[in-house]
Amino acid sequence: MSLTSAATLATLDRTGPRRITDLAAVEGVTQPAMTALVRVMEESGLVERRGDASDKRVTLVCLTEAGASYVRRRRQAGVHAFERLIGELTGDEVEALVGALPALKHLAELESQDREGPKQ
């Protein structure tokens, strides 16, 4: 799976159903590229398109249970990888990481806000 596909699934998991144009903007790709990507993920059973109840002209891309499961498995694999790697650090290195956690959390929040775009 491409990084853009994985990032798009993670975005849908984090923010809920989105328009293709919104997904394209968040992921930094063109609308035609996102349309093609969504089509492939739809054929793989990871996403589905649904109508927007508030605007019948709009189609939203939604995670399927298989897509949500894929995102959970990827996140869990990342957690296990970090657990293993942190286990190889010295006590001083672990302390340094713990001290850096507030700044790292803030960076993650900033990145998430940046990926989601301006608030409406």
PDB file of N, CA and C in Angstrom:
ATOM      1  N   MET A   1       0.849  -1.181   0.000  1.00  0.00           N
ATOM      2  CA  MET A   1       0.000   0.000   0.000  1.00  0.00           C
ATOM      3  C   MET A   1       0.888   1.236   0.000  1.00  0.00           C
ATOM      4  N   SER A   2       0.502   2.220  -0.798  1.00  0.00           N
ATOM      5  CA  SER A   2       1.297   3.443  -0.888  1.00  0.00           C
ATOM      6  C   SER A   2       1.155   4.271   0.382  1.00  0.00           C
ATOM      7  N   LEU A   3       2.111   5.153   0.609  1.00  0.00           N
ATOM      8  CA  LEU A   3       2.038   6.047   1.763  1.00  0.00           C
ATOM      9  C   LEU A   3       0.800   6.932   1.694  1.00  0.00           C
ATOM     10  N   THR A   4       0.461   7.386   0.493  1.00  0.00           N
ATOM     11  CA  THR A   4      -0.725   8.234   0.341  1.00  0.00           C
ATOM     12  C   THR A   4      -1.986   7.454   0.677  1.00  0.00           C
ATOM     13  N   SER A   5      -2.062   6.203   0.277  1.00  0.00           N
ATOM     14  CA  SER A   5      -3.220   5.370   0.622  1.00  0.00           C
ATOM     15  C   SER A   5      -3.327   5.208   2.126  1.00  0.00           C
ATOM     16  N   ALA A   6      -2.213   4.859   2.763  1.00  0.00           N
ATOM     17  CA  ALA A   6      -2.210   4.671   4.216  1.00  0.00           C
ATOM     18  C   ALA A   6      -2.554   5.974   4.932  1.00  0.00           C
ATOM     19  N   ALA A   7      -2.012   7.087   4.455  1.00  0.00           N
ATOM     20  CA  ALA A   7      -2.293   8.386   5.071  1.00  0.00           C
ATOM     21  C   ALA A   7      -3.765   8.757   4.893  1.00  0.00           C
ATOM     22  N   THR A   8      -4.326   8.451   3.742  1.00  0.00           N
ATOM     23  CA  THR A   8      -5.736   8.751   3.486  1.00  0.00           C
ATOM     24  C   THR A   8      -6.630   7.935   4.402  1.00  0.00           C
ATOM     25  N   LEU A   9      -6.320   6.669   4.581  1.00  0.00           N
ATOM     26  CA  LEU A   9      -7.094   5.833   5.500  1.00  0.00           C
ATOM     27  C   LEU A   9      -6.992   6.373   6.926  1.00  0.00           C
ATOM     28  N   ALA A  10      -5.793   6.774   7.326  1.00  0.00           N
ATOM     29  CA  ALA A  10      -5.604   7.328   8.672  1.00  0.00           C
ATOM     30  C   ALA A  10      -6.384   8.625   8.838  1.00  0.00           C
ATOM     31  N   THR A  11      -6.411   9.456   7.801  1.00  0.00           N
ATOM     32  CA  THR A  11      -7.171  10.702   7.853  1.00  0.00           C
ATOM     33  C   THR A  11      -8.654  10.407   8.031  1.00  0.00           C
ATOM     34  N   LEU A  12      -9.173   9.462   7.264  1.00  0.00           N
ATOM     35  CA  LEU A  12     -10.589   9.093   7.384  1.00  0.00           C
ATOM     36  C   LEU A  12     -10.891   8.524   8.767  1.00  0.00           C
ATOM     37  N   ASP A  13      -9.961   7.770   9.313  1.00  0.00           N
ATOM     38  CA  ASP A  13     -10.155   7.202  10.645  1.00  0.00           C
ATOM     39  C   ASP A  13     -10.185   8.310  11.693  1.00  0.00           C
ATOM     40  N   ARG A  14      -9.318   9.284  11.535  1.00  0.00           N
ATOM     41  CA  ARG A  14      -9.176  10.372  12.504  1.00  0.00           C
ATOM     42  C   ARG A  14     -10.293  11.413  12.386  1.00  0.00           C
ATOM     43  N   THR A  15     -10.732  11.711  11.158  1.00  0.00           N
ATOM     44  CA  THR A  15     -11.645  12.837  10.950  1.00  0.00           C
ATOM     45  C   THR A  15     -13.038  12.429  10.508  1.00  0.00           C
ATOM     46  N   GLY A  16     -13.228  11.177  10.126  1.00  0.00           N
ATOM     47  CA  GLY A  16     -14.526  10.739   9.643  1.00  0.00           C
ATOM     48  C   GLY A  16     -14.662  10.952   8.147  1.00  0.00           C
ATOM     49  N   PRO A  17     -15.854  10.682   7.613  1.00  0.00           N
ATOM     50  CA  PRO A  17     -16.086  10.776   6.169  1.00  0.00           C
ATOM     51  C   PRO A  17     -15.717  12.156   5.622  1.00  0.00           C
ATOM     52  N   ARG A  18     -15.134  12.142   4.416  1.00  0.00           N
ATOM     53  CA  ARG A  18     -14.699  13.393   3.776  1.00  0.00           C
ATOM     54  C   ARG A  18     -15.021  13.355   2.295  1.00  0.00           C
ATOM     55  N   ARG A  19     -15.140  14.538   1.710  1.00  0.00           N
ATOM     56  CA  ARG A  19     -15.263  14.655   0.256  1.00  0.00           C
ATOM     57  C   ARG A  19     -13.914  14.348  -0.377  1.00  0.00           C
ATOM     58  N   ILE A  20     -13.941  13.888  -1.601  1.00  0.00           N
ATOM     59  CA  ILE A  20     -12.693  13.606  -2.320  1.00  0.00           C
ATOM     60  C   ILE A  20     -11.848  14.875  -2.433  1.00  0.00           C
ATOM     61  N   THR A  21     -12.489  16.007  -2.684  1.00  0.00           N
ATOM     62  CA  THR A  21     -11.723  17.254  -2.801  1.00  0.00           C
ATOM     63  C   THR A  21     -11.024  17.589  -1.495  1.00  0.00           C
ATOM     64  N   ASP A  22     -11.673  17.352  -0.364  1.00  0.00           N
ATOM     65  CA  ASP A  22     -11.051  17.593   0.939  1.00  0.00           C
ATOM     66  C   ASP A  22      -9.874  16.654   1.157  1.00  0.00           C
ATOM     67  N   LEU A  23     -10.080  15.380   0.836  1.00  0.00           N
ATOM     68  CA  LEU A  23      -9.000  14.404   0.997  1.00  0.00           C
ATOM     69  C   LEU A  23      -7.799  14.771   0.136  1.00  0.00           C
ATOM     70  N   ALA A  24      -8.057  15.189  -1.088  1.00  0.00           N
ATOM     71  CA  ALA A  24      -6.960  15.576  -1.982  1.00  0.00           C
ATOM     72  C   ALA A  24      -6.170  16.727  -1.382  1.00  0.00           C
ATOM     73  N   ALA A  25      -6.865  17.716  -0.848  1.00  0.00           N
ATOM     74  CA  ALA A  25      -6.182  18.869  -0.258  1.00  0.00           C
ATOM     75  C   ALA A  25      -5.376  18.464   0.972  1.00  0.00           C
ATOM     76  N   VAL A  26      -5.969  17.649   1.831  1.00  0.00           N
ATOM     77  CA  VAL A  26      -5.284  17.217   3.056  1.00  0.00           C
ATOM     78  C   VAL A  26      -4.039  16.392   2.728  1.00  0.00           C
ATOM     79  N   GLU A  27      -4.146  15.517   1.736  1.00  0.00           N
ATOM     80  CA  GLU A  27      -3.033  14.630   1.407  1.00  0.00           C
ATOM     81  C   GLU A  27      -2.054  15.245   0.411  1.00  0.00           C
ATOM     82  N   GLY A  28      -2.391  16.413  -0.118  1.00  0.00           N
ATOM     83  CA  GLY A  28      -1.473  17.110  -1.015  1.00  0.00           C
ATOM     84  C   GLY A  28      -1.361  16.490  -2.392  1.00  0.00           C
ATOM     85  N   VAL A  29      -2.480  15.976  -2.896  1.00  0.00           N
ATOM     86  CA  VAL A  29      -2.501  15.407  -4.249  1.00  0.00           C
ATOM     87  C   VAL A  29      -3.625  16.074  -5.038  1.00  0.00           C
ATOM     88  N   THR A  30      -3.646  15.847  -6.337  1.00  0.00           N
ATOM     89  CA  THR A  30      -4.702  16.418  -7.169  1.00  0.00           C
ATOM     90  C   THR A  30      -6.002  15.651  -6.957  1.00  0.00           C
ATOM     91  N   GLN A  31      -7.106  16.287  -7.309  1.00  0.00           N
ATOM     92  CA  GLN A  31      -8.398  15.623  -7.192  1.00  0.00           C
ATOM     93  C   GLN A  31      -8.465  14.375  -8.083  1.00  0.00           C
ATOM     94  N   PRO A  32      -7.991  14.433  -9.342  1.00  0.00           N
ATOM     95  CA  PRO A  32      -8.026  13.201 -10.148  1.00  0.00           C
ATOM     96  C   PRO A  32      -7.197  12.068  -9.533  1.00  0.00           C
ATOM     97  N   ALA A  33      -6.051  12.419  -8.940  1.00  0.00           N
ATOM     98  CA  ALA A  33      -5.227  11.389  -8.304  1.00  0.00           C
ATOM     99  C   ALA A  33      -5.961  10.783  -7.113  1.00  0.00           C
ATOM    100  N   MET A  34      -6.632  11.622  -6.315  1.00  0.00           N
ATOM    101  CA  MET A  34      -7.370  11.107  -5.159  1.00  0.00           C
ATOM    102  C   MET A  34      -8.556  10.276  -5.620  1.00  0.00           C
ATOM    103  N   THR A  35      -9.214  10.690  -6.686  1.00  0.00           N
ATOM    104  CA  THR A  35     -10.341   9.913  -7.219  1.00  0.00           C
ATOM    105  C   THR A  35      -9.876   8.514  -7.619  1.00  0.00           C
ATOM    106  N   ALA A  36      -8.737   8.441  -8.287  1.00  0.00           N
ATOM    107  CA  ALA A  36      -8.189   7.139  -8.685  1.00  0.00           C
ATOM    108  C   ALA A  36      -7.803   6.319  -7.458  1.00  0.00           C
ATOM    109  N   LEU A  37      -7.193   6.959  -6.473  1.00  0.00           N
ATOM    110  CA  LEU A  37      -6.795   6.275  -5.254  1.00  0.00           C
ATOM    111  C   LEU A  37      -8.018   5.734  -4.512  1.00  0.00           C
ATOM    112  N   VAL A  38      -9.053   6.553  -4.396  1.00  0.00           N
ATOM    113  CA  VAL A  38     -10.277   6.121  -3.724  1.00  0.00           C
ATOM    114  C   VAL A  38     -10.894   4.941  -4.470  1.00  0.00           C
ATOM    115  N   ARG A  39     -10.871   4.988  -5.793  1.00  0.00           N
ATOM    116  CA  ARG A  39     -11.422   3.876  -6.580  1.00  0.00           C
ATOM    117  C   ARG A  39     -10.689   2.567  -6.257  1.00  0.00           C
ATOM    118  N   VAL A  40      -9.371   2.616  -6.182  1.00  0.00           N
ATOM    119  CA  VAL A  40      -8.582   1.416  -5.873  1.00  0.00           C
ATOM    120  C   VAL A  40      -8.897   0.925  -4.460  1.00  0.00           C
ATOM    121  N   MET A  41      -8.958   1.868  -3.499  1.00  0.00           N
ATOM    122  CA  MET A  41      -9.250   1.463  -2.117  1.00  0.00           C
ATOM    123  C   MET A  41     -10.681   0.949  -1.981  1.00  0.00           C
ATOM    124  N   GLU A  42     -11.575   1.494  -2.789  1.00  0.00           N
ATOM    125  CA  GLU A  42     -12.961   1.020  -2.803  1.00  0.00           C
ATOM    126  C   GLU A  42     -13.016  -0.416  -3.337  1.00  0.00           C
ATOM    127  N   GLU A  43     -12.288  -0.683  -4.418  1.00  0.00           N
ATOM    128  CA  GLU A  43     -12.243  -2.037  -4.988  1.00  0.00           C
ATOM    129  C   GLU A  43     -11.611  -3.029  -4.013  1.00  0.00           C
ATOM    130  N   SER A  44     -10.718  -2.525  -3.145  1.00  0.00           N
ATOM    131  CA  SER A  44     -10.077  -3.378  -2.138  1.00  0.00           C
ATOM    132  C   SER A  44     -10.939  -3.559  -0.901  1.00  0.00           C
ATOM    133  N   GLY A  45     -12.063  -2.854  -0.837  1.00  0.00           N
ATOM    134  CA  GLY A  45     -12.969  -2.984   0.300  1.00  0.00           C
ATOM    135  C   GLY A  45     -12.578  -2.152   1.510  1.00  0.00           C
ATOM    136  N   LEU A  46     -11.658  -1.198   1.347  1.00  0.00           N
ATOM    137  CA  LEU A  46     -11.190  -0.402   2.477  1.00  0.00           C
ATOM    138  C   LEU A  46     -12.025   0.857   2.711  1.00  0.00           C
ATOM    139  N   VAL A  47     -12.631   1.372   1.647  1.00  0.00           N
ATOM    140  CA  VAL A  47     -13.495   2.555   1.757  1.00  0.00           C
ATOM    141  C   VAL A  47     -14.755   2.321   0.932  1.00  0.00           C
ATOM    142  N   GLU A  48     -15.736   3.153   1.194  1.00  0.00           N
ATOM    143  CA  GLU A  48     -16.951   3.154   0.382  1.00  0.00           C
ATOM    144  C   GLU A  48     -17.410   4.593   0.228  1.00  0.00           C
ATOM    145  N   ARG A  49     -18.188   4.819  -0.811  1.00  0.00           N
ATOM    146  CA  ARG A  49     -18.749   6.150  -1.041  1.00  0.00           C
ATOM    147  C   ARG A  49     -20.198   6.131  -0.589  1.00  0.00           C
ATOM    148  N   ARG A  50     -20.561   7.209   0.110  1.00  0.00           N
ATOM    149  CA  ARG A  50     -21.940   7.353   0.587  1.00  0.00           C
ATOM    150  C   ARG A  50     -22.411   8.762   0.296  1.00  0.00           C
ATOM    151  N   GLY A  51     -23.706   8.901   0.137  1.00  0.00           N
ATOM    152  CA  GLY A  51     -24.285  10.223  -0.024  1.00  0.00           C
ATOM    153  C   GLY A  51     -24.233  10.992   1.282  1.00  0.00           C
ATOM    154  N   ASP A  52     -24.172  12.292   1.179  1.00  0.00           N
ATOM    155  CA  ASP A  52     -24.184  13.176   2.342  1.00  0.00           C
ATOM    156  C   ASP A  52     -25.635  13.536   2.633  1.00  0.00           C
ATOM    157  N   ALA A  53     -26.112  13.193   3.813  1.00  0.00           N
ATOM    158  CA  ALA A  53     -27.505  13.449   4.178  1.00  0.00           C
ATOM    159  C   ALA A  53     -27.834  14.939   4.160  1.00  0.00           C
ATOM    160  N   SER A  54     -26.832  15.783   4.423  1.00  0.00           N
ATOM    161  CA  SER A  54     -27.102  17.222   4.476  1.00  0.00           C
ATOM    162  C   SER A  54     -27.065  17.886   3.097  1.00  0.00           C
ATOM    163  N   ASP A  55     -26.484  17.189   2.108  1.00  0.00           N
ATOM    164  CA  ASP A  55     -26.407  17.746   0.749  1.00  0.00           C
ATOM    165  C   ASP A  55     -26.385  16.582  -0.228  1.00  0.00           C
ATOM    166  N   LYS A  56     -27.513  16.324  -0.846  1.00  0.00           N
ATOM    167  CA  LYS A  56     -27.662  15.153  -1.721  1.00  0.00           C
ATOM    168  C   LYS A  56     -26.728  15.169  -2.929  1.00  0.00           C
ATOM    169  N   ARG A  57     -26.152  16.327  -3.255  1.00  0.00           N
ATOM    170  CA  ARG A  57     -25.224  16.415  -4.395  1.00  0.00           C
ATOM    171  C   ARG A  57     -23.833  15.907  -4.049  1.00  0.00           C
ATOM    172  N   VAL A  58     -23.567  15.746  -2.762  1.00  0.00           N
ATOM    173  CA  VAL A  58     -22.220  15.433  -2.281  1.00  0.00           C
ATOM    174  C   VAL A  58     -22.072  13.946  -2.000  1.00  0.00           C
ATOM    175  N   THR A  59     -20.908  13.416  -2.367  1.00  0.00           N
ATOM    176  CA  THR A  59     -20.543  12.046  -2.032  1.00  0.00           C
ATOM    177  C   THR A  59     -19.381  12.091  -1.056  1.00  0.00           C
ATOM    178  N   LEU A  60     -19.491  11.324   0.004  1.00  0.00           N
ATOM    179  CA  LEU A  60     -18.438  11.250   1.011  1.00  0.00           C
ATOM    180  C   LEU A  60     -17.724   9.909   0.921  1.00  0.00           C
ATOM    181  N   VAL A  61     -16.441   9.931   1.198  1.00  0.00           N
ATOM    182  CA  VAL A  61     -15.648   8.708   1.268  1.00  0.00           C
ATOM    183  C   VAL A  61     -15.592   8.304   2.735  1.00  0.00           C
ATOM    184  N   CYS A  62     -15.946   7.052   3.016  1.00  0.00           N
ATOM    185  CA  CYS A  62     -16.009   6.546   4.389  1.00  0.00           C
ATOM    186  C   CYS A  62     -15.157   5.282   4.510  1.00  0.00           C
ATOM    187  N   LEU A  63     -14.579   5.095   5.681  1.00  0.00           N
ATOM    188  CA  LEU A  63     -13.880   3.842   5.957  1.00  0.00           C
ATOM    189  C   LEU A  63     -14.891   2.708   6.097  1.00  0.00           C
ATOM    190  N   THR A  64     -14.544   1.558   5.598  1.00  0.00           N
ATOM    191  CA  THR A  64     -15.311   0.352   5.880  1.00  0.00           C
ATOM    192  C   THR A  64     -14.715  -0.277   7.133  1.00  0.00           C
ATOM    193  N   GLU A  65     -15.325  -1.308   7.638  1.00  0.00           N
ATOM    194  CA  GLU A  65     -14.754  -2.011   8.793  1.00  0.00           C
ATOM    195  C   GLU A  65     -13.378  -2.568   8.434  1.00  0.00           C
ATOM    196  N   ALA A  66     -13.222  -3.068   7.204  1.00  0.00           N
ATOM    197  CA  ALA A  66     -11.913  -3.575   6.776  1.00  0.00           C
ATOM    198  C   ALA A  66     -10.870  -2.459   6.765  1.00  0.00           C
ATOM    199  N   GLY A  67     -11.261  -1.261   6.337  1.00  0.00           N
ATOM    200  CA  GLY A  67     -10.345  -0.130   6.332  1.00  0.00           C
ATOM    201  C   GLY A  67      -9.959   0.280   7.739  1.00  0.00           C
ATOM    202  N   ALA A  68     -10.938   0.331   8.634  1.00  0.00           N
ATOM    203  CA  ALA A  68     -10.661   0.682  10.028  1.00  0.00           C
ATOM    204  C   ALA A  68      -9.764  -0.362  10.681  1.00  0.00           C
ATOM    205  N   SER A  69     -10.005  -1.622  10.371  1.00  0.00           N
ATOM    206  CA  SER A  69      -9.174  -2.706  10.899  1.00  0.00           C
ATOM    207  C   SER A  69      -7.739  -2.580  10.399  1.00  0.00           C
ATOM    208  N   TYR A  70      -7.573  -2.232   9.129  1.00  0.00           N
ATOM    209  CA  TYR A  70      -6.238  -2.046   8.564  1.00  0.00           C
ATOM    210  C   TYR A  70      -5.495  -0.929   9.297  1.00  0.00           C
ATOM    211  N   VAL A  71      -6.181   0.180   9.539  1.00  0.00           N
ATOM    212  CA  VAL A  71      -5.555   1.301  10.249  1.00  0.00           C
ATOM    213  C   VAL A  71      -5.137   0.868  11.657  1.00  0.00           C
ATOM    214  N   ARG A  72      -6.011   0.147  12.356  1.00  0.00           N
ATOM    215  CA  ARG A  72      -5.683  -0.321  13.712  1.00  0.00           C
ATOM    216  C   ARG A  72      -4.467  -1.246  13.699  1.00  0.00           C
ATOM    217  N   ARG A  73      -4.412  -2.154  12.730  1.00  0.00           N
ATOM    218  CA  ARG A  73      -3.274  -3.093  12.648  1.00  0.00           C
ATOM    219  C   ARG A  73      -1.968  -2.341  12.390  1.00  0.00           C
ATOM    220  N   ARG A  74      -2.009  -1.355  11.499  1.00  0.00           N
ATOM    221  CA  ARG A  74      -0.794  -0.559  11.206  1.00  0.00           C
ATOM    222  C   ARG A  74      -0.327   0.201  12.442  1.00  0.00           C
ATOM    223  N   ARG A  75      -1.269   0.799  13.137  1.00  0.00           N
ATOM    224  CA  ARG A  75      -0.901   1.537  14.354  1.00  0.00           C
ATOM    225  C   ARG A  75      -0.309   0.599  15.393  1.00  0.00           C
ATOM    226  N   GLN A  76      -0.922  -0.555  15.569  1.00  0.00           N
ATOM    227  CA  GLN A  76      -0.419  -1.517  16.555  1.00  0.00           C
ATOM    228  C   GLN A  76       0.973  -2.005  16.173  1.00  0.00           C
ATOM    229  N   ALA A  77       1.210  -2.229  14.891  1.00  0.00           N
ATOM    230  CA  ALA A  77       2.545  -2.643  14.445  1.00  0.00           C
ATOM    231  C   ALA A  77       3.567  -1.550  14.754  1.00  0.00           C
ATOM    232  N   GLY A  78       3.185  -0.297  14.582  1.00  0.00           N
ATOM    233  CA  GLY A  78       4.076   0.811  14.911  1.00  0.00           C
ATOM    234  C   GLY A  78       4.380   0.868  16.395  1.00  0.00           C
ATOM    235  N   VAL A  79       3.367   0.633  17.214  1.00  0.00           N
ATOM    236  CA  VAL A  79       3.564   0.624  18.672  1.00  0.00           C
ATOM    237  C   VAL A  79       4.542  -0.475  19.049  1.00  0.00           C
ATOM    238  N   HIS A  80       4.364  -1.665  18.492  1.00  0.00           N
ATOM    239  CA  HIS A  80       5.258  -2.781  18.816  1.00  0.00           C
ATOM    240  C   HIS A  80       6.687  -2.490  18.373  1.00  0.00           C
ATOM    241  N   ALA A  81       6.840  -1.868  17.208  1.00  0.00           N
ATOM    242  CA  ALA A  81       8.179  -1.537  16.724  1.00  0.00           C
ATOM    243  C   ALA A  81       8.855  -0.547  17.672  1.00  0.00           C
ATOM    244  N   PHE A  82       8.131   0.478  18.109  1.00  0.00           N
ATOM    245  CA  PHE A  82       8.718   1.444  19.041  1.00  0.00           C
ATOM    246  C   PHE A  82       9.018   0.814  20.394  1.00  0.00           C
ATOM    247  N   GLU A  83       8.142  -0.054  20.869  1.00  0.00           N
ATOM    248  CA  GLU A  83       8.395  -0.734  22.142  1.00  0.00           C
ATOM    249  C   GLU A  83       9.710  -1.512  22.080  1.00  0.00           C
ATOM    250  N   ARG A  84       9.897  -2.228  20.988  1.00  0.00           N
ATOM    251  CA  ARG A  84      11.115  -3.022  20.834  1.00  0.00           C
ATOM    252  C   ARG A  84      12.345  -2.122  20.787  1.00  0.00           C
ATOM    253  N   LEU A  85      12.263  -1.056  20.009  1.00  0.00           N
ATOM    254  CA  LEU A  85      13.410  -0.154  19.868  1.00  0.00           C
ATOM    255  C   LEU A  85      13.711   0.589  21.164  1.00  0.00           C
ATOM    256  N   ILE A  86      12.693   1.041  21.861  1.00  0.00           N
ATOM    257  CA  ILE A  86      12.908   1.742  23.134  1.00  0.00           C
ATOM    258  C   ILE A  86      13.536   0.805  24.155  1.00  0.00           C
ATOM    259  N   GLY A  87      13.181  -0.456  24.074  1.00  0.00           N
ATOM    260  CA  GLY A  87      13.775  -1.451  24.963  1.00  0.00           C
ATOM    261  C   GLY A  87      15.278  -1.597  24.788  1.00  0.00           C
ATOM    262  N   GLU A  88      15.810  -1.139  23.670  1.00  0.00           N
ATOM    263  CA  GLU A  88      17.245  -1.222  23.405  1.00  0.00           C
ATOM    264  C   GLU A  88      18.008   0.034  23.832  1.00  0.00           C
ATOM    265  N   LEU A  89      17.300   1.044  24.323  1.00  0.00           N
ATOM    266  CA  LEU A  89      17.945   2.281  24.740  1.00  0.00           C
ATOM    267  C   LEU A  89      18.483   2.183  26.162  1.00  0.00           C
ATOM    268  N   THR A  90      19.432   3.067  26.464  1.00  0.00           N
ATOM    269  CA  THR A  90      19.950   3.152  27.836  1.00  0.00           C
ATOM    270  C   THR A  90      18.931   3.900  28.694  1.00  0.00           C
ATOM    271  N   GLY A  91      19.106   3.833  29.995  1.00  0.00           N
ATOM    272  CA  GLY A  91      18.221   4.552  30.916  1.00  0.00           C
ATOM    273  C   GLY A  91      18.233   6.052  30.658  1.00  0.00           C
ATOM    274  N   ASP A  92      19.415   6.610  30.397  1.00  0.00           N
ATOM    275  CA  ASP A  92      19.515   8.048  30.117  1.00  0.00           C
ATOM    276  C   ASP A  92      18.777   8.413  28.827  1.00  0.00           C
ATOM    277  N   GLU A  93      18.868   7.561  27.835  1.00  0.00           N
ATOM    278  CA  GLU A  93      18.178   7.830  26.566  1.00  0.00           C
ATOM    279  C   GLU A  93      16.657   7.768  26.749  1.00  0.00           C
ATOM    280  N   VAL A  94      16.186   6.827  27.556  1.00  0.00           N
ATOM    281  CA  VAL A  94      14.750   6.734  27.835  1.00  0.00           C
ATOM    282  C   VAL A  94      14.297   7.989  28.578  1.00  0.00           C
ATOM    283  N   GLU A  95      15.083   8.457  29.547  1.00  0.00           N
ATOM    284  CA  GLU A  95      14.746   9.685  30.270  1.00  0.00           C
ATOM    285  C   GLU A  95      14.673  10.876  29.318  1.00  0.00           C
ATOM    286  N   ALA A  96      15.601  10.943  28.381  1.00  0.00           N
ATOM    287  CA  ALA A  96      15.602  12.040  27.409  1.00  0.00           C
ATOM    288  C   ALA A  96      14.321  11.998  26.564  1.00  0.00           C
ATOM    289  N   LEU A  97      13.914  10.808  26.172  1.00  0.00           N
ATOM    290  CA  LEU A  97      12.666  10.674  25.409  1.00  0.00           C
ATOM    291  C   LEU A  97      11.461  11.101  26.235  1.00  0.00           C
ATOM    292  N   VAL A  98      11.420  10.684  27.478  1.00  0.00           N
ATOM    293  CA  VAL A  98      10.301  11.059  28.348  1.00  0.00           C
ATOM    294  C   VAL A  98      10.252  12.575  28.503  1.00  0.00           C
ATOM    295  N   GLY A  99      11.413  13.207  28.643  1.00  0.00           N
ATOM    296  CA  GLY A  99      11.462  14.667  28.753  1.00  0.00           C
ATOM    297  C   GLY A  99      10.995  15.365  27.489  1.00  0.00           C
ATOM    298  N   ALA A 100      11.179  14.722  26.357  1.00  0.00           N
ATOM    299  CA  ALA A 100      10.795  15.326  25.073  1.00  0.00           C
ATOM    300  C   ALA A 100       9.329  15.078  24.710  1.00  0.00           C
ATOM    301  N   LEU A 101       8.630  14.243  25.470  1.00  0.00           N
ATOM    302  CA  LEU A 101       7.254  13.885  25.119  1.00  0.00           C
ATOM    303  C   LEU A 101       6.306  15.086  24.987  1.00  0.00           C
ATOM    304  N   PRO A 102       6.337  16.070  25.883  1.00  0.00           N
ATOM    305  CA  PRO A 102       5.434  17.214  25.693  1.00  0.00           C
ATOM    306  C   PRO A 102       5.671  17.932  24.356  1.00  0.00           C
ATOM    307  N   ALA A 103       6.919  18.130  23.971  1.00  0.00           N
ATOM    308  CA  ALA A 103       7.210  18.795  22.696  1.00  0.00           C
ATOM    309  C   ALA A 103       6.785  17.917  21.524  1.00  0.00           C
ATOM    310  N   LEU A 104       7.004  16.616  21.606  1.00  0.00           N
ATOM    311  CA  LEU A 104       6.596  15.708  20.538  1.00  0.00           C
ATOM    312  C   LEU A 104       5.064  15.675  20.399  1.00  0.00           C
ATOM    313  N   LYS A 105       4.366  15.696  21.534  1.00  0.00           N
ATOM    314  CA  LYS A 105       2.901  15.722  21.496  1.00  0.00           C
ATOM    315  C   LYS A 105       2.432  17.003  20.824  1.00  0.00           C
ATOM    316  N   HIS A 106       3.057  18.120  21.149  1.00  0.00           N
ATOM    317  CA  HIS A 106       2.677  19.389  20.534  1.00  0.00           C
ATOM    318  C   HIS A 106       2.935  19.353  19.027  1.00  0.00           C
ATOM    319  N   LEU A 107       4.056  18.794  18.609  1.00  0.00           N
ATOM    320  CA  LEU A 107       4.342  18.665  17.179  1.00  0.00           C
ATOM    321  C   LEU A 107       3.265  17.838  16.476  1.00  0.00           C
ATOM    322  N   ALA A 108       2.858  16.746  17.098  1.00  0.00           N
ATOM    323  CA  ALA A 108       1.819  15.892  16.502  1.00  0.00           C
ATOM    324  C   ALA A 108       0.507  16.658  16.382  1.00  0.00           C
ATOM    325  N   GLU A 109       0.173  17.457  17.396  1.00  0.00           N
ATOM    326  CA  GLU A 109      -1.062  18.256  17.336  1.00  0.00           C
ATOM    327  C   GLU A 109      -0.984  19.281  16.213  1.00  0.00           C
ATOM    328  N   LEU A 110       0.170  19.931  16.081  1.00  0.00           N
ATOM    329  CA  LEU A 110       0.344  20.917  15.016  1.00  0.00           C
ATOM    330  C   LEU A 110       0.233  20.269  13.647  1.00  0.00           C
ATOM    331  N   GLU A 111       0.845  19.107  13.491  1.00  0.00           N
ATOM    332  CA  GLU A 111       0.805  18.400  12.208  1.00  0.00           C
ATOM    333  C   GLU A 111      -0.616  17.987  11.884  1.00  0.00           C
ATOM    334  N   SER A 112      -1.349  17.519  12.883  1.00  0.00           N
ATOM    335  CA  SER A 112      -2.730  17.104  12.671  1.00  0.00           C
ATOM    336  C   SER A 112      -3.591  18.284  12.245  1.00  0.00           C
ATOM    337  N   GLN A 113      -3.411  19.422  12.884  1.00  0.00           N
ATOM    338  CA  GLN A 113      -4.160  20.631  12.512  1.00  0.00           C
ATOM    339  C   GLN A 113      -3.808  21.055  11.099  1.00  0.00           C
ATOM    340  N   ASP A 114      -2.537  20.949  10.743  1.00  0.00           N
ATOM    341  CA  ASP A 114      -2.089  21.341   9.422  1.00  0.00           C
ATOM    342  C   ASP A 114      -2.683  20.441   8.354  1.00  0.00           C
ATOM    343  N   ARG A 115      -2.748  19.133   8.615  1.00  0.00           N
ATOM    344  CA  ARG A 115      -3.292  18.164   7.652  1.00  0.00           C
ATOM    345  C   ARG A 115      -4.793  18.323   7.502  1.00  0.00           C
ATOM    346  N   GLU A 116      -5.474  18.713   8.567  1.00  0.00           N
ATOM    347  CA  GLU A 116      -6.923  18.846   8.502  1.00  0.00           C
ATOM    348  C   GLU A 116      -7.342  20.142   7.822  1.00  0.00           C
ATOM    349  N   GLY A 117      -6.442  21.081   7.676  1.00  0.00           N
ATOM    350  CA  GLY A 117      -6.761  22.325   7.008  1.00  0.00           C
ATOM    351  C   GLY A 117      -7.464  23.288   7.937  1.00  0.00           C
ATOM    352  N   PRO A 118      -7.858  24.413   7.406  1.00  0.00           N
ATOM    353  CA  PRO A 118      -8.498  25.437   8.234  1.00  0.00           C
ATOM    354  C   PRO A 118      -9.841  24.955   8.768  1.00  0.00           C
ATOM    355  N   LYS A 119     -10.143  25.389   9.990  1.00  0.00           N
ATOM    356  CA  LYS A 119     -11.436  25.057  10.607  1.00  0.00           C
ATOM    357  C   LYS A 119     -12.538  25.821   9.897  1.00  0.00           C
ATOM    358  N   GLN A 120     -13.705  25.197   9.781  1.00  0.00           N
ATOM    359  CA  GLN A 120     -14.822  25.846   9.091  1.00  0.00           C
ATOM    360  C   GLN A 120     -15.841  26.354  10.062  1.00  0.00           C
TER     361      GLN A 120
END
